[in-house]
């Protein structure tokens, strides 16, 4: 039994109309249902990926993780029950509401509602984004990733690892403590950040073209207090992204260029470089931690740390090279983690570059 991907996410909020503008006009999701206090959004060929329910709450309400079929679903139900986790079988009405064949429901140690399901329903008409864009990178990678604030990282991490089979990708200890988990080649589908309270920290969705992120960044900068974290690039998953405050006041990351890993043979390790190669000023961090994050980025810049771009067929063209220094530098082996290059070319290459 194994989880395949993050299939869908739901939020409850009194600000339903604000969510329509945010999810459609800024992020680019397609609004497909706006009846009876529910707003459903598509990102691809699925009937829905993101669900907004009108209500008194104001945050993430449930997370749907996909399994291959009924055998895996029942195996998870038995495994959880045998370990003292209360599991409820989803009603037929709820399965129809989620557009899936069947599901089970339970809670994690941080109080998040988890739904495991199989058999998502596909739409009969093509996806039409809410604004002009290339679309989202989903498929077998799922809709993106979810990051939780948790008061007890170790307990929550153990639950997702031992009960649900998540595998550790890597972890950081500064400027905050966090750990990242994968269930497929997406570098992480789940992450946990140590905090003073439990709840959603951010959700991430990935576009197919970098320009989609840049154009959304332009749109977000025109909206007062919308930017939560500036444009930047992560060390661990190589994502170029920015974070915006959602109408429910948790963060939504819109990114491009996430790396794919060998999910079955990946070796987790500590990311001592910090969370970002460049950018990503985090306004939500205390001043001292913002300074710590900045110092880490400058240290990497001075050391010449670089990471390769992760592209898909059809979203790049290859430029002709014209730099002897770079020709020498790019042949140097990557770091053992496969995550970045440190650009320190030999002296002969440096002389060649000066003379050219």
Protein backbone atom coordinates (compact mmCIF):
# COMPACT_ATOMS: atom_id res chain seq x y z
CA UNK A 1 0.00 0.00 0.00
CA UNK A 2 1.22 3.50 -0.81
CA UNK A 3 0.05 7.02 -1.39
CA UNK A 4 0.34 8.31 -4.94
CA UNK A 5 -0.07 12.07 -4.61
CA UNK A 6 -1.89 15.03 -3.13
CA UNK A 7 -5.21 14.90 -4.94
CA UNK A 8 -7.33 17.78 -3.65
CA UNK A 9 -7.58 20.37 -0.88
CA UNK A 10 -10.58 22.11 0.65
CA UNK A 11 -10.90 25.32 2.65
CA UNK A 12 -13.74 26.82 4.66
CA UNK A 13 -14.13 30.60 4.67
CA UNK A 14 -16.63 33.44 4.93
CA UNK A 15 -14.72 35.23 2.14
CA UNK A 16 -15.95 33.06 -0.73
CA UNK A 17 -16.10 35.81 -3.34
CA UNK A 18 -12.58 36.94 -2.49
CA UNK A 19 -11.40 33.37 -3.04
CA UNK A 20 -12.95 33.34 -6.51
CA UNK A 21 -10.92 36.36 -7.54
CA UNK A 22 -7.76 35.04 -5.89
CA UNK A 23 -7.88 31.47 -7.19
CA UNK A 24 -9.03 32.35 -10.69
CA UNK A 25 -7.67 35.80 -11.54
CA UNK A 26 -4.31 35.51 -9.77
CA UNK A 27 -3.46 31.81 -9.54
CA UNK A 28 -5.16 30.83 -12.80
CA UNK A 29 -7.47 28.05 -11.60
CA UNK A 30 -10.74 27.45 -13.46
CA UNK A 31 -13.97 28.07 -11.55
CA UNK A 32 -16.36 25.25 -12.47
CA UNK A 33 -19.06 25.37 -9.79
CA UNK A 34 -20.54 28.24 -7.81
CA UNK A 35 -23.69 26.89 -6.20
CA UNK A 36 -24.99 26.12 -2.71
CA UNK A 37 -22.11 27.76 -0.87
CA UNK A 38 -19.42 25.74 -2.66
CA UNK A 39 -16.85 26.94 -5.19
CA UNK A 40 -14.95 24.26 -7.07
CA UNK A 41 -11.81 24.88 -9.10
CA UNK A 42 -10.01 22.83 -11.71
CA UNK A 43 -6.30 22.77 -12.52
CA UNK A 44 -6.21 19.99 -15.10
CA UNK A 45 -8.39 17.10 -16.36
CA UNK A 46 -9.80 16.33 -12.87
CA UNK A 47 -13.34 17.45 -12.04
CA UNK A 48 -11.91 19.42 -9.12
CA UNK A 49 -8.65 20.05 -7.31
CA UNK A 50 -9.46 22.95 -4.98
CA UNK A 51 -12.72 23.35 -3.07
CA UNK A 52 -13.91 26.47 -1.22
CA UNK A 53 -16.82 26.02 1.20
CA UNK A 54 -18.69 28.95 2.69
CA UNK A 55 -18.63 28.77 6.48
CA UNK A 56 -17.50 30.34 9.74
CA UNK A 57 -14.02 28.81 9.68
CA UNK A 58 -11.14 30.43 7.85
CA UNK A 59 -8.51 27.91 6.87
CA UNK A 60 -7.78 24.54 5.32
CA UNK A 61 -10.58 22.05 6.06
CA UNK A 62 -9.36 18.79 4.52
CA UNK A 63 -6.54 17.25 2.48
CA UNK A 64 -7.21 14.45 0.00
CA UNK A 65 -4.41 11.98 -0.71
CA UNK A 66 -4.84 9.55 -3.61
CA UNK A 67 -4.20 5.79 -3.53
CA UNK A 68 -4.24 3.37 -6.46
CA UNK A 69 -7.44 1.48 -5.69
CA UNK A 70 -9.78 -0.16 -3.18
CA UNK A 71 -7.20 -2.69 -1.95
CA UNK A 72 -4.78 0.07 -0.91
CA UNK A 73 -7.61 2.08 0.65
CA UNK A 74 -8.73 -0.83 2.82
CA UNK A 75 -5.13 -1.72 3.69
CA UNK A 76 -4.57 1.81 4.98
CA UNK A 77 -7.83 1.68 6.92
CA UNK A 78 -6.77 -1.56 8.63
CA UNK A 79 -3.24 -0.31 9.30
CA UNK A 80 -4.48 2.92 10.88
CA UNK A 81 -7.15 1.17 12.95
CA UNK A 82 -4.67 -1.42 14.19
CA UNK A 83 -2.49 1.43 15.44
CA UNK A 84 -5.26 3.13 17.38
CA UNK A 85 -6.24 5.74 14.77
CA UNK A 86 -10.00 6.32 14.47
CA UNK A 87 -10.99 5.82 10.82
CA UNK A 88 -14.37 6.63 9.27
CA UNK A 89 -15.61 5.35 5.93
CA UNK A 90 -16.80 8.23 3.74
CA UNK A 91 -20.49 8.17 2.85
CA UNK A 92 -21.69 7.75 -0.71
CA UNK A 93 -22.88 11.35 -0.64
CA UNK A 94 -19.44 12.59 0.44
CA UNK A 95 -17.71 10.50 -2.24
CA UNK A 96 -20.01 12.07 -4.84
CA UNK A 97 -19.23 15.52 -3.44
CA UNK A 98 -15.51 14.82 -3.76
CA UNK A 99 -15.99 13.24 -7.24
CA UNK A 100 -14.23 10.02 -6.18
CA UNK A 101 -15.24 6.37 -5.96
CA UNK A 102 -14.53 5.89 -2.25
CA UNK A 103 -12.66 7.45 0.67
CA UNK A 104 -11.76 7.13 4.33
CA UNK A 105 -11.36 9.95 6.88
CA UNK A 106 -9.16 10.40 9.96
CA UNK A 107 -7.13 13.05 11.77
CA UNK A 108 -3.39 13.61 12.14
CA UNK A 109 -1.69 14.58 15.46
CA UNK A 110 -1.83 18.27 14.54
CA UNK A 111 -5.60 18.21 14.07
CA UNK A 112 -5.69 18.20 10.27
CA UNK A 113 -8.48 16.26 8.56
CA UNK A 114 -6.97 13.68 6.20
CA UNK A 115 -8.95 11.92 3.45
CA UNK A 116 -7.56 8.98 1.50
CA UNK A 117 -9.41 8.24 -1.73
CA UNK A 118 -9.24 6.41 -5.03
CA UNK A 119 -10.95 6.74 -8.39
CA UNK A 120 -11.05 10.50 -9.09
CA UNK A 121 -13.56 11.55 -11.73
CA UNK A 122 -12.23 13.16 -14.90
CA UNK A 123 -13.87 16.09 -16.66
CA UNK A 124 -15.29 15.70 -20.14
CA UNK A 125 -14.26 19.18 -21.33
CA UNK A 126 -10.75 20.69 -21.59
CA UNK A 127 -9.26 22.74 -18.76
CA UNK A 128 -9.65 26.50 -19.31
CA UNK A 129 -7.49 28.59 -16.95
CA UNK A 130 -8.97 31.56 -15.16
CA UNK A 131 -6.36 33.85 -16.73
CA UNK A 132 -4.15 33.43 -19.77
CA UNK A 133 -1.41 30.98 -18.80
CA UNK A 134 0.23 27.69 -19.77
CA UNK A 135 -1.42 25.48 -17.15
CA UNK A 136 -0.26 23.53 -14.12
CA UNK A 137 2.22 20.71 -13.61
CA UNK A 138 0.12 17.97 -12.02
CA UNK A 139 -0.46 14.42 -13.37
CA UNK A 140 1.26 11.73 -11.36
CA UNK A 141 2.93 14.42 -9.21
CA UNK A 142 -0.41 15.54 -7.81
CA UNK A 143 -1.72 19.07 -7.46
CA UNK A 144 1.29 20.45 -5.57
CA UNK A 145 2.32 20.40 -1.92
CA UNK A 146 0.97 21.33 1.49
CA UNK A 147 3.02 22.74 4.38
CA UNK A 148 1.72 22.65 7.96
CA UNK A 149 2.62 24.62 11.04
CA UNK A 150 2.91 22.09 13.87
CA UNK A 151 3.75 22.40 17.54
CA UNK A 152 5.36 18.96 17.64
CA UNK A 153 7.37 18.24 14.49
CA UNK A 154 8.66 14.88 15.70
CA UNK A 155 5.23 13.46 16.56
CA UNK A 156 3.58 14.66 13.35
CA UNK A 157 6.51 13.53 11.20
CA UNK A 158 6.38 10.06 12.79
CA UNK A 159 2.67 9.81 11.98
CA UNK A 160 3.09 10.62 8.30
CA UNK A 161 6.15 8.41 8.01
CA UNK A 162 4.96 5.35 9.93
CA UNK A 163 1.20 5.46 9.36
CA UNK A 164 1.07 6.75 5.78
CA UNK A 165 4.45 5.87 4.28
CA UNK A 166 5.82 9.35 3.55
CA UNK A 167 9.58 9.40 2.92
CA UNK A 168 11.87 12.12 4.23
CA UNK A 169 13.41 14.27 1.49
CA UNK A 170 15.48 16.61 3.66
CA UNK A 171 15.27 18.98 6.61
CA UNK A 172 16.52 22.37 7.81
CA UNK A 173 17.20 23.77 11.27
CA UNK A 174 17.75 27.47 10.42
CA UNK A 175 16.29 30.05 10.17
CA UNK A 176 13.42 27.78 11.30
CA UNK A 177 13.03 24.04 11.82
CA UNK A 178 11.29 22.15 9.00
CA UNK A 179 11.21 18.72 7.38
CA UNK A 180 10.09 17.77 3.86
CA UNK A 181 8.47 14.51 2.69
CA UNK A 182 7.76 12.90 -0.68
CA UNK A 183 5.45 10.19 -1.98
CA UNK A 184 6.40 10.46 -5.67
CA UNK A 185 9.12 12.21 -7.75
CA UNK A 186 7.96 15.67 -6.64
CA UNK A 187 10.66 16.70 -4.15
CA UNK A 188 8.05 17.17 -1.45
CA UNK A 189 4.28 16.86 -1.31
CA UNK A 190 4.21 17.60 2.42
CA UNK A 191 6.35 19.67 4.77
CA UNK A 192 6.16 20.45 8.47
CA UNK A 193 7.36 23.70 10.08
CA UNK A 194 7.82 23.93 13.83
CA UNK A 195 5.56 26.63 15.24
CA UNK A 196 3.74 27.76 18.35
CA UNK A 197 0.40 26.62 16.89
CA UNK A 198 -1.03 24.02 14.52
CA UNK A 199 -2.51 24.93 11.15
CA UNK A 200 -1.84 25.48 7.48
CA UNK A 201 1.31 27.42 6.59
CA UNK A 202 1.05 27.37 2.80
CA UNK A 203 -0.08 25.48 -0.27
CA UNK A 204 1.98 25.29 -3.46
CA UNK A 205 0.92 24.83 -7.07
CA UNK A 206 3.36 24.73 -9.99
CA UNK A 207 2.95 26.26 -13.44
CA UNK A 208 4.37 24.91 -16.70
CA UNK A 209 6.11 28.15 -17.72
CA UNK A 210 8.24 30.55 -15.68
CA UNK A 211 6.49 33.55 -17.22
CA UNK A 212 3.22 32.44 -15.58
CA UNK A 213 4.85 33.00 -12.20
CA UNK A 214 6.38 36.33 -13.17
CA UNK A 215 3.10 37.66 -14.57
CA UNK A 216 1.22 36.58 -11.45
CA UNK A 217 3.90 38.34 -9.39
CA UNK A 218 3.17 41.54 -11.32
CA UNK A 219 -0.54 41.14 -10.61
CA UNK A 220 0.03 40.42 -6.91
CA UNK A 221 2.26 43.47 -6.44
CA UNK A 222 -0.63 45.70 -7.54
CA UNK A 223 -2.75 44.39 -4.64
CA UNK A 224 -2.02 45.93 -1.22
CA UNK A 225 -0.38 43.53 1.25
CA UNK A 226 -0.76 40.55 -1.13
CA UNK A 227 2.92 39.54 -1.23
CA UNK A 228 3.94 37.40 1.74
CA UNK A 229 7.32 36.21 0.42
CA UNK A 230 9.12 37.84 -2.48
CA UNK A 231 10.22 36.11 -5.68
CA UNK A 232 13.09 33.70 -5.05
CA UNK A 233 14.44 30.19 -5.61
CA UNK A 234 14.54 27.33 -3.13
CA UNK A 235 17.63 25.30 -2.36
CA UNK A 236 15.97 21.91 -1.92
CA UNK A 237 13.33 21.61 -4.66
CA UNK A 238 14.83 24.30 -6.97
CA UNK A 239 11.43 25.99 -7.28
CA UNK A 240 11.36 29.59 -8.48
CA UNK A 241 8.34 31.07 -6.74
CA UNK A 242 6.68 33.74 -4.68
CA UNK A 243 4.11 33.51 -1.89
CA UNK A 244 0.91 35.53 -1.68
CA UNK A 245 -1.49 35.94 1.22
CA UNK A 246 -4.74 34.14 0.47
CA UNK A 247 -8.16 35.54 1.48
CA UNK A 248 -7.95 33.16 4.48
CA UNK A 249 -4.58 34.68 5.46
CA UNK A 250 -2.48 31.62 4.92
CA UNK A 251 0.16 31.66 2.19
CA UNK A 252 -0.17 30.32 -1.34
CA UNK A 253 3.06 29.58 -3.23
CA UNK A 254 3.03 29.82 -7.02
CA UNK A 255 6.13 28.24 -8.50
CA UNK A 256 7.93 26.91 -11.55
CA UNK A 257 10.80 24.51 -12.21
CA UNK A 258 10.49 22.06 -9.31
CA UNK A 259 12.98 19.20 -9.42
CA UNK A 260 12.07 15.55 -9.83
CA UNK A 261 13.84 13.03 -7.60
CA UNK A 262 14.30 9.26 -7.58
CA UNK A 263 11.67 8.73 -4.92
CA UNK A 264 12.65 5.12 -4.21
CA UNK A 265 16.38 5.73 -3.82
CA UNK A 266 16.61 9.23 -2.41
CA UNK A 267 18.95 9.85 0.54
CA UNK A 268 17.66 12.54 2.93
CA UNK A 269 20.07 15.08 4.37
CA UNK A 270 20.19 18.35 6.26
CA UNK A 271 20.06 21.53 4.17
CA UNK A 272 22.59 23.68 5.99
CA UNK A 273 22.50 26.34 3.24
CA UNK A 274 19.14 27.60 4.39
CA UNK A 275 15.84 27.46 2.52
CA UNK A 276 16.53 29.69 -0.51
CA UNK A 277 19.33 30.30 -3.03
CA UNK A 278 18.20 33.89 -3.54
CA UNK A 279 15.18 36.09 -2.89
CA UNK A 280 12.26 34.86 -0.78
CA UNK A 281 12.32 37.66 1.78
CA UNK A 282 9.84 36.38 4.35
CA UNK A 283 7.88 39.24 5.87
CA UNK A 284 6.24 36.84 8.33
CA UNK A 285 9.56 36.00 10.05
CA UNK A 286 10.77 37.98 13.08
CA UNK A 287 13.46 40.55 12.22
CA UNK A 288 16.31 38.47 13.60
CA UNK A 289 15.32 35.42 11.54
CA UNK A 290 14.87 37.55 8.42
CA UNK A 291 18.44 38.74 8.92
CA UNK A 292 19.62 35.16 9.45
CA UNK A 293 17.94 34.04 6.21
CA UNK A 294 19.50 36.98 4.35
CA UNK A 295 22.97 36.16 5.71
CA UNK A 296 22.60 32.55 4.56
CA UNK A 297 21.67 33.67 1.03
CA UNK A 298 24.59 36.08 0.81
CA UNK A 299 26.96 33.37 2.02
CA UNK A 300 25.78 31.10 -0.80
CA UNK A 301 26.13 33.88 -3.34
CA UNK A 302 29.71 34.55 -2.23
CA UNK A 303 30.47 30.83 -2.48
CA UNK A 304 29.06 30.67 -6.02
CA UNK A 305 26.35 28.10 -5.25
CA UNK A 306 24.14 27.45 -8.30
CA UNK A 307 21.48 24.89 -9.19
CA UNK A 308 20.44 23.59 -12.62
CA UNK A 309 17.06 24.46 -14.08
CA UNK A 310 14.46 21.71 -14.17
CA UNK A 311 12.54 21.94 -17.43
CA UNK A 312 9.82 20.00 -19.23
CA UNK A 313 9.61 19.05 -22.89
CA UNK A 314 8.25 22.07 -24.73
CA UNK A 315 8.97 24.83 -22.21
CA UNK A 316 12.59 25.61 -23.09
CA UNK A 317 14.99 26.19 -25.95
CA UNK A 318 18.74 25.67 -25.74
CA UNK A 319 20.92 28.78 -26.09
CA UNK A 320 24.24 28.65 -27.91
CA UNK A 321 27.22 28.98 -25.57
CA UNK A 322 29.77 31.75 -25.89
CA UNK A 323 31.71 31.72 -22.62
CA UNK A 324 34.91 29.68 -22.13
CA UNK A 325 34.67 30.21 -18.35
CA UNK A 326 31.20 28.67 -18.26
CA UNK A 327 32.22 25.80 -20.56
CA UNK A 328 34.82 24.82 -17.97
CA UNK A 329 32.61 25.45 -14.96
CA UNK A 330 29.64 23.42 -16.15
CA UNK A 331 31.73 20.26 -16.55
CA UNK A 332 32.53 20.18 -12.85
CA UNK A 333 30.67 17.50 -10.89
CA UNK A 334 27.59 18.38 -8.89
CA UNK A 335 27.59 18.18 -5.12
CA UNK A 336 26.95 14.75 -3.67
CA UNK A 337 23.32 15.65 -3.02
CA UNK A 338 22.78 16.42 -6.69
CA UNK A 339 21.20 19.70 -5.66
CA UNK A 340 23.62 22.42 -6.75
CA UNK A 341 26.89 23.37 -8.33
CA UNK A 342 29.53 25.47 -6.65
CA UNK A 343 31.10 27.49 -9.43
CA UNK A 344 34.88 27.58 -8.90
CA UNK A 345 36.54 27.11 -12.30
CA UNK A 346 40.22 26.25 -12.64
CA UNK A 347 42.69 29.10 -13.01
CA UNK A 348 43.27 28.27 -16.69
CA UNK A 349 39.58 28.73 -17.42
CA UNK A 350 39.54 32.02 -15.53
CA UNK A 351 42.52 33.27 -17.59
CA UNK A 352 40.78 32.17 -20.78
CA UNK A 353 37.66 34.08 -19.79
CA UNK A 354 39.69 37.24 -19.09
CA UNK A 355 41.46 36.99 -22.42
CA UNK A 356 38.32 36.41 -24.49
